Amino acid sequence: MSSSKVALVTGGNKGIGFAIVRAMCKDFAGDVYLTARDVGRGTAAVDNLRKEGLAPLFHQLDINDPDSVRSARDFFTEKYGGLDVLVNNAGIAFKMADTTPFGIQADVTLKTNFFATRDMCNVFLPIIKPGGRMVNVSSVMGSMALSRCSPELQARFRSDDITEEELVGLMERFVRDAQEGVHAERGWPSTAYGISKTGLTTLTRILARNLTKERPGDEVLCNACCPGWVRTDMAGPNATKSPDEGAVTPVYLALLPAGAKEPHGQFVSEKKVQPW
């Protein structure tokens, strides 16, 4: 078994994920795994970083495939005895101009951005080592969507006693309401991406609370963040930040110094804790 520290970044073959891997290769004292669902694109991305003199490693990981998620967990458990840093970056968004029916957009977007990311968290959190870090790349769009929910929904998403089960129920309800065309009258905004990230930030708060309760001495820190508006295939060419600039806050959270107590269970943007 390797005694190296080890970090894993999902959706690492392009965009913000690729930039996070690049920065981690420079600043993290250990092995950095670029993961992607497509082996060809993933290994090509690793080759590109090697040409820059960096040394990332590749592992196939499709967060939407439970077998792939569990096989990756087993690999890291066997080779490293667990994981020191997990950056859940993989995500999708429909373009504004996309004419796919909203119910389908809601289902597809939440499947990856909320449910598959939740699966990653639940499968990998048990193998995150003491002093480990988990970073969920969320979005300020989640905060904006939250502020456009009904007061009742806002109160639940913001509450300090919402459970993971209740949150999952709310996310399932949003998809169902969207599919039935009644989401607006039931207090939801018309943004599948936004609600997927409202869910992800809320999940992060819940997981952090559970870590504090269940592993109080382990000093594992778990946070969500917004990378900003970044020039990627997702956001398009007019965005204000380069991918490397977008990686700054996720990498800051991934590399919080040993012994740090905070931030934990927070939504962070530009390296600053934001109100939720």
C-alpha atoms as a PDB file:
ATOM      1  CA  MET A   1       0.000   0.000   0.000  1.00  0.00           C
ATOM      2  CA  SER A   2       1.253   3.477  -0.891  1.00  0.00           C
ATOM      3  CA  SER A   3       2.002   5.825   2.008  1.00  0.00           C
ATOM      4  CA  SER A   4       1.514   8.887  -0.243  1.00  0.00           C
ATOM      5  CA  LYS A   5      -1.309  11.295   0.386  1.00  0.00           C
ATOM      6  CA  VAL A   6      -3.866  11.189  -2.407  1.00  0.00           C
ATOM      7  CA  ALA A   7      -6.429  13.542  -3.964  1.00  0.00           C
ATOM      8  CA  LEU A   8      -9.229  12.789  -6.430  1.00  0.00           C
ATOM      9  CA  VAL A   9     -10.973  15.299  -8.721  1.00  0.00           C
ATOM     10  CA  THR A  10     -14.128  14.299 -10.615  1.00  0.00           C
ATOM     11  CA  GLY A  11     -14.901  15.690 -14.084  1.00  0.00           C
ATOM     12  CA  GLY A  12     -11.211  16.452 -14.461  1.00  0.00           C
ATOM     13  CA  ASN A  13     -10.736  16.233 -18.207  1.00  0.00           C
ATOM     14  CA  LYS A  14     -11.690  19.849 -19.021  1.00  0.00           C
ATOM     15  CA  GLY A  15     -12.853  23.185 -17.684  1.00  0.00           C
ATOM     16  CA  ILE A  16     -12.648  23.925 -13.976  1.00  0.00           C
ATOM     17  CA  GLY A  17     -11.911  20.298 -13.077  1.00  0.00           C
ATOM     18  CA  PHE A  18      -8.845  20.255 -15.326  1.00  0.00           C
ATOM     19  CA  ALA A  19      -7.633  23.531 -13.787  1.00  0.00           C
ATOM     20  CA  ILE A  20      -8.171  22.144 -10.267  1.00  0.00           C
ATOM     21  CA  VAL A  21      -6.033  19.108 -11.142  1.00  0.00           C
ATOM     22  CA  ARG A  22      -3.327  21.391 -12.545  1.00  0.00           C
ATOM     23  CA  ALA A  23      -3.212  23.518  -9.373  1.00  0.00           C
ATOM     24  CA  MET A  24      -3.325  20.466  -7.093  1.00  0.00           C
ATOM     25  CA  CYS A  25      -0.375  18.923  -8.966  1.00  0.00           C
ATOM     26  CA  LYS A  26       1.612  22.057  -8.123  1.00  0.00           C
ATOM     27  CA  ASP A  27       0.487  22.586  -4.513  1.00  0.00           C
ATOM     28  CA  PHE A  28      -0.577  19.216  -3.034  1.00  0.00           C
ATOM     29  CA  ALA A  29       2.115  17.020  -1.502  1.00  0.00           C
ATOM     30  CA  GLY A  30       0.870  13.693  -2.825  1.00  0.00           C
ATOM     31  CA  ASP A  31      -0.680  11.856  -5.757  1.00  0.00           C
ATOM     32  CA  VAL A  32      -3.389  13.683  -7.712  1.00  0.00           C
ATOM     33  CA  TYR A  33      -5.912  11.682  -9.708  1.00  0.00           C
ATOM     34  CA  LEU A  34      -7.668  13.250 -12.660  1.00  0.00           C
ATOM     35  CA  THR A  35     -10.841  11.236 -13.127  1.00  0.00           C
ATOM     36  CA  ALA A  36     -13.291  11.316 -16.024  1.00  0.00           C
ATOM     37  CA  ARG A  37     -16.024   9.033 -17.347  1.00  0.00           C
ATOM     38  CA  ASP A  38     -14.380   8.833 -20.782  1.00  0.00           C
ATOM     39  CA  VAL A  39     -10.986   7.076 -20.681  1.00  0.00           C
ATOM     40  CA  GLY A  40      -9.804   8.608 -23.978  1.00  0.00           C
ATOM     41  CA  ARG A  41     -10.570  12.187 -22.936  1.00  0.00           C
ATOM     42  CA  GLY A  42      -9.208  11.588 -19.443  1.00  0.00           C
ATOM     43  CA  THR A  43      -5.881  10.135 -20.529  1.00  0.00           C
ATOM     44  CA  ALA A  44      -5.495  12.880 -23.167  1.00  0.00           C
ATOM     45  CA  ALA A  45      -5.991  15.479 -20.396  1.00  0.00           C
ATOM     46  CA  VAL A  46      -3.363  13.752 -18.230  1.00  0.00           C
ATOM     47  CA  ASP A  47      -0.940  13.756 -21.199  1.00  0.00           C
ATOM     48  CA  ASN A  48      -1.502  17.504 -21.656  1.00  0.00           C
ATOM     49  CA  LEU A  49      -0.616  18.177 -18.012  1.00  0.00           C
ATOM     50  CA  ARG A  50       2.443  15.922 -18.243  1.00  0.00           C
ATOM     51  CA  LYS A  51       3.647  18.087 -21.119  1.00  0.00           C
ATOM     52  CA  GLU A  52       3.543  20.994 -18.641  1.00  0.00           C
ATOM     53  CA  GLY A  53       5.907  19.028 -16.395  1.00  0.00           C
ATOM     54  CA  LEU A  54       3.166  17.930 -13.968  1.00  0.00           C
ATOM     55  CA  ALA A  55       2.475  14.355 -12.864  1.00  0.00           C
ATOM     56  CA  PRO A  56      -1.249  13.639 -12.484  1.00  0.00           C
ATOM     57  CA  LEU A  57      -2.538  10.056 -12.530  1.00  0.00           C
ATOM     58  CA  PHE A  58      -5.712   8.841 -14.241  1.00  0.00           C
ATOM     59  CA  HIS A  59      -8.592   6.726 -13.008  1.00  0.00           C
ATOM     60  CA  GLN A  60     -11.865   6.145 -14.830  1.00  0.00           C
ATOM     61  CA  LEU A  61     -14.861   7.381 -12.830  1.00  0.00           C
ATOM     62  CA  ASP A  62     -18.397   8.035 -14.029  1.00  0.00           C
ATOM     63  CA  ILE A  63     -20.297   9.465 -11.076  1.00  0.00           C
ATOM     64  CA  ASN A  64     -23.594   8.428 -12.685  1.00  0.00           C
ATOM     65  CA  ASP A  65     -22.539   4.759 -12.651  1.00  0.00           C
ATOM     66  CA  PRO A  66     -22.742   3.241  -9.145  1.00  0.00           C
ATOM     67  CA  ASP A  67     -20.426   0.369 -10.155  1.00  0.00           C
ATOM     68  CA  SER A  68     -17.804   2.854 -11.381  1.00  0.00           C
ATOM     69  CA  VAL A  69     -18.078   4.834  -8.127  1.00  0.00           C
ATOM     70  CA  ARG A  70     -17.688   1.745  -5.960  1.00  0.00           C
ATOM     71  CA  SER A  71     -14.857   0.353  -8.052  1.00  0.00           C
ATOM     72  CA  ALA A  72     -12.973   3.666  -7.670  1.00  0.00           C
ATOM     73  CA  ARG A  73     -13.557   3.591  -3.912  1.00  0.00           C
ATOM     74  CA  ASP A  74     -12.140   0.049  -3.753  1.00  0.00           C
ATOM     75  CA  PHE A  75      -9.094   1.109  -5.801  1.00  0.00           C
ATOM     76  CA  PHE A  76      -8.250   4.010  -3.463  1.00  0.00           C
ATOM     77  CA  THR A  77      -8.922   1.892  -0.366  1.00  0.00           C
ATOM     78  CA  GLU A  78      -6.618  -0.893  -1.551  1.00  0.00           C
ATOM     79  CA  LYS A  79      -3.850   1.308  -2.944  1.00  0.00           C
ATOM     80  CA  TYR A  80      -3.818   4.145  -0.392  1.00  0.00           C
ATOM     81  CA  GLY A  81      -5.946   2.979   2.527  1.00  0.00           C
ATOM     82  CA  GLY A  82      -8.437   5.740   1.748  1.00  0.00           C
ATOM     83  CA  LEU A  83      -8.473   9.267   0.374  1.00  0.00           C
ATOM     84  CA  ASP A  84      -7.146  12.582   1.699  1.00  0.00           C
ATOM     85  CA  VAL A  85      -8.918  15.002  -0.638  1.00  0.00           C
ATOM     86  CA  LEU A  86     -12.090  14.608  -2.703  1.00  0.00           C
ATOM     87  CA  VAL A  87     -13.177  17.399  -5.051  1.00  0.00           C
ATOM     88  CA  ASN A  88     -16.647  16.730  -6.463  1.00  0.00           C
ATOM     89  CA  ASN A  89     -16.484  18.895  -9.563  1.00  0.00           C
ATOM     90  CA  ALA A  90     -18.369  16.846 -12.179  1.00  0.00           C
ATOM     91  CA  GLY A  91     -21.631  18.498 -13.205  1.00  0.00           C
ATOM     92  CA  ILE A  92     -23.862  19.357 -16.141  1.00  0.00           C
ATOM     93  CA  ALA A  93     -26.061  22.209 -17.294  1.00  0.00           C
ATOM     94  CA  PHE A  94     -28.485  22.654 -20.174  1.00  0.00           C
ATOM     95  CA  LYS A  95     -27.872  25.769 -22.272  1.00  0.00           C
ATOM     96  CA  MET A  96     -30.347  28.626 -21.844  1.00  0.00           C
ATOM     97  CA  ALA A  97     -31.512  28.172 -25.443  1.00  0.00           C
ATOM     98  CA  ASP A  98     -32.088  24.417 -25.053  1.00  0.00           C
ATOM     99  CA  THR A  99     -35.678  23.475 -25.900  1.00  0.00           C
ATOM    100  CA  THR A 100     -35.675  20.175 -23.987  1.00  0.00           C
ATOM    101  CA  PRO A 101     -38.870  20.090 -21.863  1.00  0.00           C
ATOM    102  CA  PHE A 102     -38.271  21.456 -18.371  1.00  0.00           C
ATOM    103  CA  GLY A 103     -39.340  18.228 -16.677  1.00  0.00           C
ATOM    104  CA  ILE A 104     -36.632  16.317 -18.530  1.00  0.00           C
ATOM    105  CA  GLN A 105     -34.056  19.028 -17.808  1.00  0.00           C
ATOM    106  CA  ALA A 106     -34.945  18.806 -14.101  1.00  0.00           C
ATOM    107  CA  ASP A 107     -34.617  15.019 -14.045  1.00  0.00           C
ATOM    108  CA  VAL A 108     -31.343  14.862 -15.999  1.00  0.00           C
ATOM    109  CA  THR A 109     -29.691  17.810 -14.218  1.00  0.00           C
ATOM    110  CA  LEU A 110     -30.522  16.618 -10.701  1.00  0.00           C
ATOM    111  CA  LYS A 111     -29.495  13.046 -11.551  1.00  0.00           C
ATOM    112  CA  THR A 112     -25.895  14.177 -12.014  1.00  0.00           C
ATOM    113  CA  ASN A 113     -25.514  17.360  -9.986  1.00  0.00           C
ATOM    114  CA  PHE A 114     -27.383  16.204  -6.905  1.00  0.00           C
ATOM    115  CA  PHE A 115     -28.074  12.467  -6.810  1.00  0.00           C
ATOM    116  CA  ALA A 116     -24.824  11.189  -8.365  1.00  0.00           C
ATOM    117  CA  THR A 117     -22.750  13.689  -6.361  1.00  0.00           C
ATOM    118  CA  ARG A 118     -24.578  12.564  -3.212  1.00  0.00           C
ATOM    119  CA  ASP A 119     -23.681   8.970  -4.086  1.00  0.00           C
ATOM    120  CA  MET A 120     -20.002  10.019  -4.426  1.00  0.00           C
ATOM    121  CA  CYS A 121     -20.150  11.673  -0.995  1.00  0.00           C
ATOM    122  CA  ASN A 122     -21.792   8.715   0.706  1.00  0.00           C
ATOM    123  CA  VAL A 123     -19.494   6.119  -0.861  1.00  0.00           C
ATOM    124  CA  PHE A 124     -16.257   8.080  -0.366  1.00  0.00           C
ATOM    125  CA  LEU A 125     -16.807   9.912   2.964  1.00  0.00           C
ATOM    126  CA  PRO A 126     -16.240   6.719   4.989  1.00  0.00           C
ATOM    127  CA  ILE A 127     -12.759   6.332   3.425  1.00  0.00           C
ATOM    128  CA  ILE A 128     -11.732   9.996   3.823  1.00  0.00           C
ATOM    129  CA  LYS A 129      -8.827   9.938   6.248  1.00  0.00           C
ATOM    130  CA  PRO A 130      -8.512  12.027   9.409  1.00  0.00           C
ATOM    131  CA  GLY A 131      -7.467  15.546   8.405  1.00  0.00           C
ATOM    132  CA  GLY A 132      -9.092  14.982   5.007  1.00  0.00           C
ATOM    133  CA  ARG A 133     -10.964  17.516   2.896  1.00  0.00           C
ATOM    134  CA  MET A 134     -14.109  17.243   0.804  1.00  0.00           C
ATOM    135  CA  VAL A 135     -15.039  20.052  -1.578  1.00  0.00           C
ATOM    136  CA  ASN A 136     -18.302  20.181  -3.502  1.00  0.00           C
ATOM    137  CA  VAL A 137     -18.218  22.546  -6.465  1.00  0.00           C
ATOM    138  CA  SER A 138     -21.625  24.184  -6.217  1.00  0.00           C
ATOM    139  CA  SER A 139     -22.691  27.570  -7.578  1.00  0.00           C
ATOM    140  CA  VAL A 140     -24.034  30.955  -6.570  1.00  0.00           C
ATOM    141  CA  MET A 141     -26.897  29.955  -8.886  1.00  0.00           C
ATOM    142  CA  GLY A 142     -27.928  27.659  -6.033  1.00  0.00           C
ATOM    143  CA  SER A 143     -28.106  30.631  -3.663  1.00  0.00           C
ATOM    144  CA  MET A 144     -30.088  32.628  -6.212  1.00  0.00           C
ATOM    145  CA  ALA A 145     -32.484  29.724  -6.774  1.00  0.00           C
ATOM    146  CA  LEU A 146     -32.889  29.411  -2.984  1.00  0.00           C
ATOM    147  CA  SER A 147     -33.912  33.061  -2.686  1.00  0.00           C
ATOM    148  CA  ARG A 148     -36.576  32.460  -5.374  1.00  0.00           C
ATOM    149  CA  CYS A 149     -38.133  29.475  -3.574  1.00  0.00           C
ATOM    150  CA  SER A 150     -41.279  29.821  -1.438  1.00  0.00           C
ATOM    151  CA  PRO A 151     -40.658  30.912   2.176  1.00  0.00           C
ATOM    152  CA  GLU A 152     -41.547  27.373   3.323  1.00  0.00           C
ATOM    153  CA  LEU A 153     -38.930  25.781   1.059  1.00  0.00           C
ATOM    154  CA  GLN A 154     -36.329  28.400   1.967  1.00  0.00           C
ATOM    155  CA  ALA A 155     -36.852  27.680   5.659  1.00  0.00           C
ATOM    156  CA  ARG A 156     -36.211  23.949   5.137  1.00  0.00           C
ATOM    157  CA  PHE A 157     -33.103  24.399   2.959  1.00  0.00           C
ATOM    158  CA  ARG A 158     -31.652  26.848   5.477  1.00  0.00           C
ATOM    159  CA  SER A 159     -32.607  24.939   8.616  1.00  0.00           C
ATOM    160  CA  ASP A 160     -29.959  23.382  10.845  1.00  0.00           C
ATOM    161  CA  ASP A 161     -32.034  20.261  11.421  1.00  0.00           C
ATOM    162  CA  ILE A 162     -32.901  19.205   7.855  1.00  0.00           C
ATOM    163  CA  THR A 163     -31.830  15.574   7.346  1.00  0.00           C
ATOM    164  CA  GLU A 164     -30.406  14.020   4.215  1.00  0.00           C
ATOM    165  CA  GLU A 165     -33.634  12.001   3.853  1.00  0.00           C
ATOM    166  CA  GLU A 166     -35.751  15.153   3.929  1.00  0.00           C
ATOM    167  CA  LEU A 167     -33.460  16.861   1.413  1.00  0.00           C
ATOM    168  CA  VAL A 168     -33.638  13.878  -0.951  1.00  0.00           C
ATOM    169  CA  GLY A 169     -37.436  14.022  -0.658  1.00  0.00           C
ATOM    170  CA  LEU A 170     -37.420  17.715  -1.590  1.00  0.00           C
ATOM    171  CA  MET A 171     -35.155  17.106  -4.601  1.00  0.00           C
ATOM    172  CA  GLU A 172     -37.408  14.255  -5.774  1.00  0.00           C
ATOM    173  CA  ARG A 173     -40.417  16.504  -5.283  1.00  0.00           C
ATOM    174  CA  PHE A 174     -38.895  19.250  -7.440  1.00  0.00           C
ATOM    175  CA  VAL A 175     -38.340  16.777 -10.299  1.00  0.00           C
ATOM    176  CA  ARG A 176     -41.874  15.407  -9.946  1.00  0.00           C
ATOM    177  CA  ASP A 177     -43.413  18.897  -9.803  1.00  0.00           C
ATOM    178  CA  ALA A 178     -41.358  19.956 -12.855  1.00  0.00           C
ATOM    179  CA  GLN A 179     -42.461  16.880 -14.787  1.00  0.00           C
ATOM    180  CA  GLU A 180     -46.097  17.609 -13.939  1.00  0.00           C
ATOM    181  CA  GLY A 181     -45.674  21.281 -14.897  1.00  0.00           C
ATOM    182  CA  VAL A 182     -46.712  22.484 -11.438  1.00  0.00           C
ATOM    183  CA  HIS A 183     -43.310  23.475 -10.008  1.00  0.00           C
ATOM    184  CA  ALA A 184     -43.970  27.234 -10.126  1.00  0.00           C
ATOM    185  CA  GLU A 185     -47.256  27.061  -8.238  1.00  0.00           C
ATOM    186  CA  ARG A 186     -45.593  24.749  -5.693  1.00  0.00           C
ATOM    187  CA  GLY A 187     -42.955  27.316  -4.806  1.00  0.00           C
ATOM    188  CA  TRP A 188     -40.052  26.352  -7.068  1.00  0.00           C
ATOM    189  CA  PRO A 189     -38.126  28.636  -9.457  1.00  0.00           C
ATOM    190  CA  SER A 190     -37.737  27.591 -13.106  1.00  0.00           C
ATOM    191  CA  THR A 191     -34.074  26.639 -12.897  1.00  0.00           C
ATOM    192  CA  ALA A 192     -33.061  22.993 -12.770  1.00  0.00           C
ATOM    193  CA  TYR A 193     -29.356  23.853 -12.528  1.00  0.00           C
ATOM    194  CA  GLY A 194     -30.017  26.334  -9.721  1.00  0.00           C
ATOM    195  CA  ILE A 195     -32.086  23.884  -7.659  1.00  0.00           C
ATOM    196  CA  SER A 196     -29.520  21.104  -8.228  1.00  0.00           C
ATOM    197  CA  LYS A 197     -26.925  23.403  -6.627  1.00  0.00           C
ATOM    198  CA  THR A 198     -29.292  24.529  -3.832  1.00  0.00           C
ATOM    199  CA  GLY A 199     -29.539  20.826  -3.072  1.00  0.00           C
ATOM    200  CA  LEU A 200     -25.775  20.281  -3.265  1.00  0.00           C
ATOM    201  CA  THR A 201     -24.949  23.166  -0.923  1.00  0.00           C
ATOM    202  CA  THR A 202     -27.625  22.001   1.540  1.00  0.00           C
ATOM    203  CA  LEU A 203     -26.266  18.434   1.338  1.00  0.00           C
ATOM    204  CA  THR A 204     -22.771  19.752   2.112  1.00  0.00           C
ATOM    205  CA  ARG A 205     -24.081  21.480   5.246  1.00  0.00           C
ATOM    206  CA  ILE A 206     -25.790  18.246   6.358  1.00  0.00           C
ATOM    207  CA  LEU A 207     -22.696  16.082   5.719  1.00  0.00           C
ATOM    208  CA  ALA A 208     -20.497  18.541   7.632  1.00  0.00           C
ATOM    209  CA  ARG A 209     -22.901  18.470  10.571  1.00  0.00           C
ATOM    210  CA  ASN A 210     -22.848  14.648  10.537  1.00  0.00           C
ATOM    211  CA  LEU A 211     -19.028  14.602  10.406  1.00  0.00           C
ATOM    212  CA  THR A 212     -18.843  16.878  13.451  1.00  0.00           C
ATOM    213  CA  LYS A 213     -21.205  14.534  15.323  1.00  0.00           C
ATOM    214  CA  GLU A 214     -19.863  11.170  14.166  1.00  0.00           C
ATOM    215  CA  ARG A 215     -16.120  11.840  13.701  1.00  0.00           C
ATOM    216  CA  PRO A 216     -15.446  14.737  16.080  1.00  0.00           C
ATOM    217  CA  GLY A 217     -11.713  14.122  16.467  1.00  0.00           C
ATOM    218  CA  ASP A 218     -10.950  13.507  12.787  1.00  0.00           C
ATOM    219  CA  GLU A 219     -10.779  17.148  11.669  1.00  0.00           C
ATOM    220  CA  VAL A 220     -12.294  16.340   8.274  1.00  0.00           C
ATOM    221  CA  LEU A 221     -13.523  19.572   6.665  1.00  0.00           C
ATOM    222  CA  CYS A 222     -16.363  19.529   4.159  1.00  0.00           C
ATOM    223  CA  ASN A 223     -17.399  22.645   2.209  1.00  0.00           C
ATOM    224  CA  ALA A 224     -19.258  23.789  -0.898  1.00  0.00           C
ATOM    225  CA  CYS A 225     -18.070  26.609  -3.121  1.00  0.00           C
ATOM    226  CA  CYS A 226     -18.766  28.744  -6.136  1.00  0.00           C
ATOM    227  CA  PRO A 227     -15.845  28.939  -8.571  1.00  0.00           C
ATOM    228  CA  GLY A 228     -17.285  32.084 -10.163  1.00  0.00           C
ATOM    229  CA  TRP A 229     -18.320  32.684 -13.774  1.00  0.00           C
ATOM    230  CA  VAL A 230     -15.677  30.765 -15.694  1.00  0.00           C
ATOM    231  CA  ARG A 231     -14.935  30.426 -19.409  1.00  0.00           C
ATOM    232  CA  THR A 232     -15.786  26.760 -19.993  1.00  0.00           C
ATOM    233  CA  ASP A 233     -17.913  24.687 -22.370  1.00  0.00           C
ATOM    234  CA  MET A 234     -20.665  25.041 -19.748  1.00  0.00           C
ATOM    235  CA  ALA A 235     -20.596  28.833 -19.226  1.00  0.00           C
ATOM    236  CA  GLY A 236     -19.387  29.877 -22.678  1.00  0.00           C
ATOM    237  CA  PRO A 237     -16.714  32.295 -23.928  1.00  0.00           C
ATOM    238  CA  ASN A 238     -18.086  35.509 -22.384  1.00  0.00           C
ATOM    239  CA  ALA A 239     -17.518  34.525 -18.750  1.00  0.00           C
ATOM    240  CA  THR A 240     -15.199  36.710 -16.697  1.00  0.00           C
ATOM    241  CA  LYS A 241     -12.744  34.165 -15.243  1.00  0.00           C
ATOM    242  CA  SER A 242     -10.211  31.778 -16.735  1.00  0.00           C
ATOM    243  CA  PRO A 243     -10.461  28.130 -15.577  1.00  0.00           C
ATOM    244  CA  ASP A 244      -7.288  28.624 -13.494  1.00  0.00           C
ATOM    245  CA  GLU A 245      -8.953  31.570 -11.730  1.00  0.00           C
ATOM    246  CA  GLY A 246     -12.072  29.438 -11.227  1.00  0.00           C
ATOM    247  CA  ALA A 247      -9.962  26.751  -9.533  1.00  0.00           C
ATOM    248  CA  VAL A 248      -8.655  29.115  -6.829  1.00  0.00           C
ATOM    249  CA  THR A 249     -11.455  28.722  -4.251  1.00  0.00           C
ATOM    250  CA  PRO A 250     -11.977  24.941  -4.700  1.00  0.00           C
ATOM    251  CA  VAL A 251      -8.207  24.388  -4.344  1.00  0.00           C
ATOM    252  CA  TYR A 252      -8.037  26.711  -1.309  1.00  0.00           C
ATOM    253  CA  LEU A 253     -10.698  24.532   0.380  1.00  0.00           C
ATOM    254  CA  ALA A 254      -9.002  21.294  -0.710  1.00  0.00           C
ATOM    255  CA  LEU A 255      -5.706  22.452   0.802  1.00  0.00           C
ATOM    256  CA  LEU A 256      -6.902  24.015   4.085  1.00  0.00           C
ATOM    257  CA  PRO A 257      -3.937  23.572   6.461  1.00  0.00           C
ATOM    258  CA  ALA A 258      -3.704  20.645   8.878  1.00  0.00           C
ATOM    259  CA  GLY A 259      -5.425  21.429  12.166  1.00  0.00           C
ATOM    260  CA  ALA A 260      -7.775  24.009  10.636  1.00  0.00           C
ATOM    261  CA  LYS A 261     -11.245  23.988  12.218  1.00  0.00           C
ATOM    262  CA  GLU A 262     -12.983  26.170   9.632  1.00  0.00           C
ATOM    263  CA  PRO A 263     -14.499  26.776   7.209  1.00  0.00           C
ATOM    264  CA  HIS A 264     -16.617  23.651   7.681  1.00  0.00           C
ATOM    265  CA  GLY A 265     -20.144  23.128   6.344  1.00  0.00           C
ATOM    266  CA  GLN A 266     -19.977  26.479   4.575  1.00  0.00           C
ATOM    267  CA  PHE A 267     -20.674  27.896   1.123  1.00  0.00           C
ATOM    268  CA  VAL A 268     -17.513  29.718   0.043  1.00  0.00           C
ATOM    269  CA  SER A 269     -16.908  32.132  -2.821  1.00  0.00           C
ATOM    270  CA  GLU A 270     -13.712  34.108  -3.549  1.00  0.00           C
ATOM    271  CA  LYS A 271     -12.225  32.311  -0.502  1.00  0.00           C
ATOM    272  CA  LYS A 272     -14.837  33.941   1.753  1.00  0.00           C
ATOM    273  CA  VAL A 273     -17.706  32.285   3.603  1.00  0.00           C
ATOM    274  CA  GLN A 274     -21.050  33.426   2.146  1.00  0.00           C
ATOM    275  CA  PRO A 275     -24.384  33.648   3.955  1.00  0.00           C
ATOM    276  CA  TRP A 276     -26.835  30.827   3.142  1.00  0.00           C
END
